[in-house]
Amino acid sequence: MEGVAEGAGLTFLDVLYLNTRYDLGSLPDGCTSFA
């Protein structure tokens, strides 16, 4: 993630937000999975 931030020109916390946004608020979906 530090590398992503460097490559995109953002702070590390900006990229950490992108990787935790589902856990910070509800993002409804209706997926169907199988194995």
Full PDB file with SEQRES, HELIX, SHEET, SSBOND, CRYST1, ORIGX, SCALE, CONECT and MASTER records, all heavy atoms in Angstrom:
SEQRES   1 A   35  MET GLU GLY VAL ALA GLU GLY ALA GLY LEU THR PHE LEU          
SEQRES   2 A   35  ASP VAL LEU TYR LEU ASN THR ARG TYR ASP LEU GLY SER          
SEQRES   3 A   35  LEU PRO ASP GLY CYS THR SER PHE ALA                          
HELIX    1 AA1 GLU A    2  ALA A    8  1                                   7    
HELIX    2 AA2 PHE A   12  LEU A   18  1                                   7    
HELIX    3 AA3 ARG A   21  LEU A   24  1                                   4    
CRYST1    1.000    1.000    1.000  90.00  90.00  90.00 P 1           1          
ORIGX1      1.000000  0.000000  0.000000        0.00000                         
ORIGX2      0.000000  1.000000  0.000000        0.00000                         
ORIGX3      0.000000  0.000000  1.000000        0.00000                         
SCALE1      1.000000  0.000000  0.000000        0.00000                         
SCALE2      0.000000  1.000000  0.000000        0.00000                         
SCALE3      0.000000  0.000000  1.000000        0.00000                         
ATOM      1  N   MET A   1       0.825  -1.213   0.000  1.00  0.00           N  
ATOM      2  CA  MET A   1       0.000   0.000   0.000  1.00  0.00           C  
ATOM      3  C   MET A   1       0.854   1.256   0.000  1.00  0.00           C  
ATOM      4  O   MET A   1       0.487   2.263  -0.623  1.00  0.00           O  
ATOM      5  CB  MET A   1      -0.957  -0.022   1.195  1.00  0.00           C  
ATOM      6  CG  MET A   1      -2.099  -1.022   1.037  1.00  0.00           C  
ATOM      7  SD  MET A   1      -3.355  -0.902   2.351  1.00  0.00           S  
ATOM      8  CE  MET A   1      -2.466  -1.653   3.735  1.00  0.00           C  
ATOM      9  N   GLU A   2       1.984   1.228   0.687  1.00  0.00           N  
ATOM     10  CA  GLU A   2       2.898   2.373   0.635  1.00  0.00           C  
ATOM     11  C   GLU A   2       3.374   2.600  -0.795  1.00  0.00           C  
ATOM     12  O   GLU A   2       3.482   3.744  -1.253  1.00  0.00           O  
ATOM     13  CB  GLU A   2       4.087   2.133   1.558  1.00  0.00           C  
ATOM     14  CG  GLU A   2       3.753   2.243   3.041  1.00  0.00           C  
ATOM     15  CD  GLU A   2       4.894   1.853   3.953  1.00  0.00           C  
ATOM     16  OE1 GLU A   2       5.829   1.158   3.468  1.00  0.00           O  
ATOM     17  OE2 GLU A   2       4.864   2.238   5.130  1.00  0.00           O  
ATOM     18  N   GLY A   3       3.639   1.503  -1.506  1.00  0.00           N  
ATOM     19  CA  GLY A   3       4.035   1.628  -2.902  1.00  0.00           C  
ATOM     20  C   GLY A   3       2.932   2.202  -3.769  1.00  0.00           C  
ATOM     21  O   GLY A   3       3.184   3.048  -4.645  1.00  0.00           O  
ATOM     22  N   VAL A   4       1.680   1.761  -3.539  1.00  0.00           N  
ATOM     23  CA  VAL A   4       0.544   2.320  -4.277  1.00  0.00           C  
ATOM     24  C   VAL A   4       0.463   3.827  -4.050  1.00  0.00           C  
ATOM     25  O   VAL A   4       0.274   4.612  -4.997  1.00  0.00           O  
ATOM     26  CB  VAL A   4      -0.781   1.638  -3.861  1.00  0.00           C  
ATOM     27  CG1 VAL A   4      -1.970   2.344  -4.518  1.00  0.00           C  
ATOM     28  CG2 VAL A   4      -0.785   0.163  -4.252  1.00  0.00           C  
ATOM     29  N   ALA A   5       0.627   4.246  -2.801  1.00  0.00           N  
ATOM     30  CA  ALA A   5       0.574   5.671  -2.474  1.00  0.00           C  
ATOM     31  C   ALA A   5       1.677   6.443  -3.200  1.00  0.00           C  
ATOM     32  O   ALA A   5       1.435   7.522  -3.766  1.00  0.00           O  
ATOM     33  CB  ALA A   5       0.693   5.865  -0.960  1.00  0.00           C  
ATOM     34  N   GLU A   6       2.885   5.892  -3.210  1.00  0.00           N  
ATOM     35  CA  GLU A   6       3.997   6.555  -3.892  1.00  0.00           C  
ATOM     36  C   GLU A   6       3.728   6.657  -5.392  1.00  0.00           C  
ATOM     37  O   GLU A   6       3.961   7.707  -6.003  1.00  0.00           O  
ATOM     38  CB  GLU A   6       5.287   5.785  -3.641  1.00  0.00           C  
ATOM     39  CG  GLU A   6       5.769   5.843  -2.200  1.00  0.00           C  
ATOM     40  CD  GLU A   6       6.903   4.869  -1.930  1.00  0.00           C  
ATOM     41  OE1 GLU A   6       7.369   4.209  -2.886  1.00  0.00           O  
ATOM     42  OE2 GLU A   6       7.330   4.771  -0.760  1.00  0.00           O  
ATOM     43  N   GLY A   7       3.244   5.557  -5.988  1.00  0.00           N  
ATOM     44  CA  GLY A   7       3.002   5.559  -7.423  1.00  0.00           C  
ATOM     45  C   GLY A   7       1.884   6.490  -7.839  1.00  0.00           C  
ATOM     46  O   GLY A   7       1.919   7.087  -8.927  1.00  0.00           O  
ATOM     47  N   ALA A   8       0.871   6.629  -6.994  1.00  0.00           N  
ATOM     48  CA  ALA A   8      -0.282   7.467  -7.334  1.00  0.00           C  
ATOM     49  C   ALA A   8      -0.129   8.898  -6.850  1.00  0.00           C  
ATOM     50  O   ALA A   8      -0.915   9.770  -7.226  1.00  0.00           O  
ATOM     51  CB  ALA A   8      -1.548   6.863  -6.726  1.00  0.00           C  
ATOM     52  N   GLY A   9       0.880   9.160  -6.000  1.00  0.00           N  
ATOM     53  CA  GLY A   9       1.069  10.506  -5.470  1.00  0.00           C  
ATOM     54  C   GLY A   9       0.085  10.844  -4.366  1.00  0.00           C  
ATOM     55  O   GLY A   9      -0.363  11.989  -4.259  1.00  0.00           O  
ATOM     56  N   LEU A  10      -0.228   9.859  -3.521  1.00  0.00           N  
ATOM     57  CA  LEU A  10      -1.155  10.049  -2.415  1.00  0.00           C  
ATOM     58  C   LEU A  10      -0.447   9.768  -1.093  1.00  0.00           C  
ATOM     59  O   LEU A  10       0.694   9.302  -1.068  1.00  0.00           O  
ATOM     60  CB  LEU A  10      -2.348   9.097  -2.555  1.00  0.00           C  
ATOM     61  CG  LEU A  10      -3.304   9.340  -3.724  1.00  0.00           C  
ATOM     62  CD1 LEU A  10      -4.267   8.162  -3.875  1.00  0.00           C  
ATOM     63  CD2 LEU A  10      -4.086  10.631  -3.526  1.00  0.00           C  
ATOM     64  N   THR A  11      -1.133  10.035   0.012  1.00  0.00           N  
ATOM     65  CA  THR A  11      -0.606   9.629   1.303  1.00  0.00           C  
ATOM     66  C   THR A  11      -0.950   8.170   1.552  1.00  0.00           C  
ATOM     67  O   THR A  11      -1.878   7.613   0.956  1.00  0.00           O  
ATOM     68  CB  THR A  11      -1.200  10.471   2.449  1.00  0.00           C  
ATOM     69  OG1 THR A  11      -2.586  10.114   2.638  1.00  0.00           O  
ATOM     70  CG2 THR A  11      -1.089  11.959   2.152  1.00  0.00           C  
ATOM     71  N   PHE A  12      -0.221   7.548   2.482  1.00  0.00           N  
ATOM     72  CA  PHE A  12      -0.512   6.167   2.833  1.00  0.00           C  
ATOM     73  C   PHE A  12      -1.930   6.020   3.364  1.00  0.00           C  
ATOM     74  O   PHE A  12      -2.636   5.052   3.042  1.00  0.00           O  
ATOM     75  CB  PHE A  12       0.492   5.664   3.875  1.00  0.00           C  
ATOM     76  CG  PHE A  12       0.115   4.336   4.459  1.00  0.00           C  
ATOM     77  CD1 PHE A  12       0.290   3.160   3.737  1.00  0.00           C  
ATOM     78  CD2 PHE A  12      -0.438   4.253   5.733  1.00  0.00           C  
ATOM     79  CE1 PHE A  12      -0.081   1.928   4.268  1.00  0.00           C  
ATOM     80  CE2 PHE A  12      -0.803   3.030   6.278  1.00  0.00           C  
ATOM     81  CZ  PHE A  12      -0.624   1.865   5.542  1.00  0.00           C  
ATOM     82  N   LEU A  13      -2.395   6.971   4.173  1.00  0.00           N  
ATOM     83  CA  LEU A  13      -3.737   6.868   4.739  1.00  0.00           C  
ATOM     84  C   LEU A  13      -4.822   6.957   3.676  1.00  0.00           C  
ATOM     85  O   LEU A  13      -5.892   6.353   3.811  1.00  0.00           O  
ATOM     86  CB  LEU A  13      -3.948   7.942   5.812  1.00  0.00           C  
ATOM     87  CG  LEU A  13      -3.184   7.730   7.123  1.00  0.00           C  
ATOM     88  CD1 LEU A  13      -3.463   8.868   8.087  1.00  0.00           C  
ATOM     89  CD2 LEU A  13      -3.533   6.383   7.751  1.00  0.00           C  
ATOM     90  N   ASP A  14      -4.565   7.683   2.596  1.00  0.00           N  
ATOM     91  CA  ASP A  14      -5.512   7.686   1.466  1.00  0.00           C  
ATOM     92  C   ASP A  14      -5.688   6.276   0.924  1.00  0.00           C  
ATOM     93  O   ASP A  14      -6.809   5.833   0.646  1.00  0.00           O  
ATOM     94  CB  ASP A  14      -5.008   8.595   0.339  1.00  0.00           C  
ATOM     95  CG  ASP A  14      -5.152  10.070   0.646  1.00  0.00           C  
ATOM     96  OD1 ASP A  14      -6.202  10.466   1.181  1.00  0.00           O  
ATOM     97  OD2 ASP A  14      -4.213  10.830   0.338  1.00  0.00           O  
ATOM     98  N   VAL A  15      -4.585   5.566   0.755  1.00  0.00           N  
ATOM     99  CA  VAL A  15      -4.640   4.215   0.194  1.00  0.00           C  
ATOM    100  C   VAL A  15      -5.192   3.242   1.226  1.00  0.00           C  
ATOM    101  O   VAL A  15      -5.935   2.314   0.882  1.00  0.00           O  
ATOM    102  CB  VAL A  15      -3.252   3.782  -0.315  1.00  0.00           C  
ATOM    103  CG1 VAL A  15      -3.275   2.339  -0.804  1.00  0.00           C  
ATOM    104  CG2 VAL A  15      -2.793   4.718  -1.440  1.00  0.00           C  
ATOM    105  N   LEU A  16      -4.863   3.436   2.503  1.00  0.00           N  
ATOM    106  CA  LEU A  16      -5.454   2.592   3.533  1.00  0.00           C  
ATOM    107  C   LEU A  16      -6.967   2.758   3.547  1.00  0.00           C  
ATOM    108  O   LEU A  16      -7.704   1.782   3.736  1.00  0.00           O  
ATOM    109  CB  LEU A  16      -4.868   2.931   4.897  1.00  0.00           C  
ATOM    110  CG  LEU A  16      -5.333   2.056   6.067  1.00  0.00           C  
ATOM    111  CD1 LEU A  16      -4.955   0.588   5.842  1.00  0.00           C  
ATOM    112  CD2 LEU A  16      -4.745   2.557   7.393  1.00  0.00           C  
ATOM    113  N   TYR A  17      -7.442   3.983   3.321  1.00  0.00           N  
ATOM    114  CA  TYR A  17      -8.901   4.188   3.209  1.00  0.00           C  
ATOM    115  C   TYR A  17      -9.490   3.325   2.095  1.00  0.00           C  
ATOM    116  O   TYR A  17     -10.521   2.668   2.282  1.00  0.00           O  
ATOM    117  CB  TYR A  17      -9.231   5.665   2.939  1.00  0.00           C  
ATOM    118  CG  TYR A  17     -10.630   5.823   2.403  1.00  0.00           C  
ATOM    119  CD1 TYR A  17     -11.722   5.748   3.248  1.00  0.00           C  
ATOM    120  CD2 TYR A  17     -10.860   5.965   1.023  1.00  0.00           C  
ATOM    121  CE1 TYR A  17     -13.018   5.829   2.749  1.00  0.00           C  
ATOM    122  CE2 TYR A  17     -12.144   6.044   0.528  1.00  0.00           C  
ATOM    123  CZ  TYR A  17     -13.220   5.968   1.389  1.00  0.00           C  
ATOM    124  OH  TYR A  17     -14.498   6.022   0.887  1.00  0.00           O  
ATOM    125  N   LEU A  18      -8.850   3.315   0.924  1.00  0.00           N  
ATOM    126  CA  LEU A  18      -9.372   2.532  -0.194  1.00  0.00           C  
ATOM    127  C   LEU A  18      -9.476   1.054   0.155  1.00  0.00           C  
ATOM    128  O   LEU A  18     -10.363   0.355  -0.342  1.00  0.00           O  
ATOM    129  CB  LEU A  18      -8.476   2.721  -1.424  1.00  0.00           C  
ATOM    130  CG  LEU A  18      -8.465   4.120  -2.041  1.00  0.00           C  
ATOM    131  CD1 LEU A  18      -7.450   4.189  -3.181  1.00  0.00           C  
ATOM    132  CD2 LEU A  18      -9.848   4.522  -2.537  1.00  0.00           C  
ATOM    133  N   ASN A  19      -8.589   0.591   1.011  1.00  0.00           N  
ATOM    134  CA  ASN A  19      -8.564  -0.827   1.371  1.00  0.00           C  
ATOM    135  C   ASN A  19      -9.413  -1.162   2.593  1.00  0.00           C  
ATOM    136  O   ASN A  19      -9.495  -2.332   2.975  1.00  0.00           O  
ATOM    137  CB  ASN A  19      -7.113  -1.269   1.597  1.00  0.00           C  
ATOM    138  CG  ASN A  19      -6.375  -1.484   0.302  1.00  0.00           C  
ATOM    139  OD1 ASN A  19      -6.406  -2.574  -0.265  1.00  0.00           O  
ATOM    140  ND2 ASN A  19      -5.731  -0.441  -0.202  1.00  0.00           N  
ATOM    141  N   THR A  20     -10.042  -0.157   3.196  1.00  0.00           N  
ATOM    142  CA  THR A  20     -10.883  -0.398   4.372  1.00  0.00           C  
ATOM    143  C   THR A  20     -12.265   0.232   4.228  1.00  0.00           C  
ATOM    144  O   THR A  20     -13.050   0.221   5.177  1.00  0.00           O  
ATOM    145  CB  THR A  20     -10.212   0.151   5.646  1.00  0.00           C  
ATOM    146  OG1 THR A  20      -9.968   1.560   5.492  1.00  0.00           O  
ATOM    147  CG2 THR A  20      -8.893  -0.549   5.915  1.00  0.00           C  
ATOM    148  N   ARG A  21     -12.594   0.753   3.061  1.00  0.00           N  
ATOM    149  CA  ARG A  21     -13.841   1.525   2.916  1.00  0.00           C  
ATOM    150  C   ARG A  21     -15.082   0.677   3.167  1.00  0.00           C  
ATOM    151  O   ARG A  21     -16.094   1.187   3.650  1.00  0.00           O  
ATOM    152  CB  ARG A  21     -13.906   2.172   1.532  1.00  0.00           C  
ATOM    153  CG  ARG A  21     -13.639   1.255   0.368  1.00  0.00           C  
ATOM    154  CD  ARG A  21     -13.590   2.040  -0.938  1.00  0.00           C  
ATOM    155  NE  ARG A  21     -12.645   1.453  -1.868  1.00  0.00           N  
ATOM    156  CZ  ARG A  21     -12.479   1.892  -3.112  1.00  0.00           C  
ATOM    157  NH1 ARG A  21     -13.195   2.894  -3.562  1.00  0.00           N  
ATOM    158  NH2 ARG A  21     -11.600   1.319  -3.899  1.00  0.00           N  
ATOM    159  N   TYR A  22     -15.043  -0.634   2.841  1.00  0.00           N  
ATOM    160  CA  TYR A  22     -16.198  -1.494   3.101  1.00  0.00           C  
ATOM    161  C   TYR A  22     -16.444  -1.642   4.591  1.00  0.00           C  
ATOM    162  O   TYR A  22     -17.565  -1.907   5.016  1.00  0.00           O  
ATOM    163  CB  TYR A  22     -15.984  -2.886   2.498  1.00  0.00           C  
ATOM    164  CG  TYR A  22     -15.444  -2.852   1.101  1.00  0.00           C  
ATOM    165  CD1 TYR A  22     -14.129  -3.215   0.847  1.00  0.00           C  
ATOM    166  CD2 TYR A  22     -16.231  -2.414   0.044  1.00  0.00           C  
ATOM    167  CE1 TYR A  22     -13.614  -3.145  -0.430  1.00  0.00           C  
ATOM    168  CE2 TYR A  22     -15.721  -2.343  -1.236  1.00  0.00           C  
ATOM    169  CZ  TYR A  22     -14.411  -2.714  -1.467  1.00  0.00           C  
ATOM    170  OH  TYR A  22     -13.898  -2.629  -2.737  1.00  0.00           O  
ATOM    171  N   ASP A  23     -15.408  -1.484   5.375  1.00  0.00           N  
ATOM    172  CA  ASP A  23     -15.489  -1.693   6.809  1.00  0.00           C  
ATOM    173  C   ASP A  23     -15.804  -0.407   7.561  1.00  0.00           C  
ATOM    174  O   ASP A  23     -16.007  -0.411   8.758  1.00  0.00           O  
ATOM    175  CB  ASP A  23     -14.169  -2.283   7.305  1.00  0.00           C  
ATOM    176  CG  ASP A  23     -13.720  -3.425   6.406  1.00  0.00           C  
ATOM    177  OD1 ASP A  23     -14.368  -4.476   6.420  1.00  0.00           O  
ATOM    178  OD2 ASP A  23     -12.739  -3.242   5.659  1.00  0.00           O  
ATOM    179  N   LEU A  24     -15.858   0.700   6.809  1.00  0.00           N  
ATOM    180  CA  LEU A  24     -16.177   1.999   7.390  1.00  0.00           C  
ATOM    181  C   LEU A  24     -17.622   2.402   7.160  1.00  0.00           C  
ATOM    182  O   LEU A  24     -18.116   3.355   7.752  1.00  0.00           O  
ATOM    183  CB  LEU A  24     -15.259   3.072   6.795  1.00  0.00           C  
ATOM    184  CG  LEU A  24     -13.786   2.962   7.181  1.00  0.00           C  
ATOM    185  CD1 LEU A  24     -12.927   3.792   6.244  1.00  0.00           C  
ATOM    186  CD2 LEU A  24     -13.578   3.401   8.618  1.00  0.00           C  
ATOM    187  N   GLY A  25     -18.323   1.700   6.292  1.00  0.00           N  
ATOM    188  CA  GLY A  25     -19.704   2.026   5.994  1.00  0.00           C  
ATOM    189  C   GLY A  25     -20.339   0.952   5.154  1.00  0.00           C  
ATOM    190  O   GLY A  25     -19.672   0.096   4.581  1.00  0.00           O  
ATOM    191  N   SER A  26     -21.657   0.984   5.059  1.00  0.00           N  
ATOM    192  CA  SER A  26     -22.410  -0.048   4.350  1.00  0.00           C  
ATOM    193  C   SER A  26     -22.376   0.195   2.844  1.00  0.00           C  
ATOM    194  O   SER A  26     -22.680   1.287   2.375  1.00  0.00           O  
ATOM    195  CB  SER A  26     -23.862  -0.064   4.832  1.00  0.00           C  
ATOM    196  OG  SER A  26     -24.632  -0.986   4.102  1.00  0.00           O  
ATOM    197  N   LEU A  27     -21.984  -0.823   2.100  1.00  0.00           N  
ATOM    198  CA  LEU A  27     -22.010  -0.787   0.641  1.00  0.00           C  
ATOM    199  C   LEU A  27     -22.817  -1.998   0.173  1.00  0.00           C  
ATOM    200  O   LEU A  27     -22.271  -3.075  -0.047  1.00  0.00           O  
ATOM    201  CB  LEU A  27     -20.587  -0.837   0.064  1.00  0.00           C  
ATOM    202  CG  LEU A  27     -19.694   0.358   0.364  1.00  0.00           C  
ATOM    203  CD1 LEU A  27     -18.290   0.108  -0.143  1.00  0.00           C  
ATOM    204  CD2 LEU A  27     -20.261   1.618  -0.286  1.00  0.00           C  
ATOM    205  N   PRO A  28     -24.140  -1.856   0.034  1.00  0.00           N  
ATOM    206  CA  PRO A  28     -24.986  -3.021  -0.252  1.00  0.00           C  
ATOM    207  C   PRO A  28     -24.618  -3.713  -1.559  1.00  0.00           C  
ATOM    208  O   PRO A  28     -24.264  -3.066  -2.550  1.00  0.00           O  
ATOM    209  CB  PRO A  28     -26.393  -2.412  -0.340  1.00  0.00           C  
ATOM    210  CG  PRO A  28     -26.302  -1.126   0.397  1.00  0.00           C  
ATOM    211  CD  PRO A  28     -24.920  -0.625   0.172  1.00  0.00           C  
ATOM    212  N   ASP A  29     -24.675  -5.026  -1.540  1.00  0.00           N  
ATOM    213  CA  ASP A  29     -24.596  -5.789  -2.779  1.00  0.00           C  
ATOM    214  C   ASP A  29     -25.480  -7.019  -2.644  1.00  0.00           C  
ATOM    215  O   ASP A  29     -26.040  -7.284  -1.591  1.00  0.00           O  
ATOM    216  CB  ASP A  29     -23.155  -6.136  -3.163  1.00  0.00           C  
ATOM    217  CG  ASP A  29     -22.478  -7.116  -2.211  1.00  0.00           C  
ATOM    218  OD1 ASP A  29     -23.168  -8.001  -1.675  1.00  0.00           O  
ATOM    219  OD2 ASP A  29     -21.254  -7.026  -2.038  1.00  0.00           O  
ATOM    220  N   GLY A  30     -25.629  -7.750  -3.751  1.00  0.00           N  
ATOM    221  CA  GLY A  30     -26.510  -8.919  -3.744  1.00  0.00           C  
ATOM    222  C   GLY A  30     -25.875 -10.105  -4.423  1.00  0.00           C  
ATOM    223  O   GLY A  30     -26.517 -10.788  -5.219  1.00  0.00           O  
ATOM    224  N   CYS A  31     -24.613 -10.346  -4.150  1.00  0.00           N  
ATOM    225  CA  CYS A  31     -23.835 -11.356  -4.862  1.00  0.00           C  
ATOM    226  C   CYS A  31     -24.307 -12.784  -4.585  1.00  0.00           C  
ATOM    227  O   CYS A  31     -24.860 -13.079  -3.534  1.00  0.00           O  
ATOM    228  CB  CYS A  31     -22.365 -11.235  -4.481  1.00  0.00           C  
ATOM    229  SG  CYS A  31     -21.685  -9.588  -4.713  1.00  0.00           S  
ATOM    230  N   THR A  32     -24.032 -13.668  -5.550  1.00  0.00           N  
ATOM    231  CA  THR A  32     -24.302 -15.103  -5.409  1.00  0.00           C  
ATOM    232  C   THR A  32     -23.016 -15.848  -5.707  1.00  0.00           C  
ATOM    233  O   THR A  32     -22.438 -15.690  -6.783  1.00  0.00           O  
ATOM    234  CB  THR A  32     -25.399 -15.560  -6.386  1.00  0.00           C  
ATOM    235  OG1 THR A  32     -26.458 -14.600  -6.414  1.00  0.00           O  
ATOM    236  CG2 THR A  32     -25.945 -16.922  -5.977  1.00  0.00           C  
ATOM    237  N   SER A  33     -22.538 -16.668  -4.750  1.00  0.00           N  
ATOM    238  CA  SER A  33     -21.270 -17.371  -4.917  1.00  0.00           C  
ATOM    239  C   SER A  33     -21.472 -18.877  -4.872  1.00  0.00           C  
ATOM    240  O   SER A  33     -22.512 -19.371  -4.429  1.00  0.00           O  
ATOM    241  CB  SER A  33     -20.274 -16.939  -3.835  1.00  0.00           C  
ATOM    242  OG  SER A  33     -20.754 -17.272  -2.548  1.00  0.00           O  
ATOM    243  N   PHE A  34     -20.443 -19.617  -5.323  1.00  0.00           N  
ATOM    244  CA  PHE A  34     -20.523 -21.081  -5.350  1.00  0.00           C  
ATOM    245  C   PHE A  34     -19.128 -21.681  -5.284  1.00  0.00           C  
ATOM    246  O   PHE A  34     -18.118 -21.017  -5.556  1.00  0.00           O  
ATOM    247  CB  PHE A  34     -21.210 -21.563  -6.638  1.00  0.00           C  
ATOM    248  CG  PHE A  34     -20.338 -21.397  -7.863  1.00  0.00           C  
ATOM    249  CD1 PHE A  34     -19.484 -22.421  -8.279  1.00  0.00           C  
ATOM    250  CD2 PHE A  34     -20.344 -20.216  -8.591  1.00  0.00           C  
ATOM    251  CE1 PHE A  34     -18.665 -22.267  -9.388  1.00  0.00           C  
ATOM    252  CE2 PHE A  34     -19.532 -20.055  -9.701  1.00  0.00           C  
ATOM    253  CZ  PHE A  34     -18.691 -21.089 -10.103  1.00  0.00           C  
ATOM    254  N   ALA A  35     -19.075 -22.954  -4.921  1.00  0.00           N  
ATOM    255  CA  ALA A  35     -17.840 -23.737  -5.009  1.00  0.00           C  
ATOM    256  C   ALA A  35     -18.208 -25.180  -5.317  1.00  0.00           C  
ATOM    257  O   ALA A  35     -19.174 -25.712  -4.763  1.00  0.00           O  
ATOM    258  CB  ALA A  35     -17.044 -23.648  -3.720  1.00  0.00           C  
TER     259      ALA A  35                                                      
MASTER        0    0    0    3    0    0    0    6  258    1    0    3          
END                                                                             
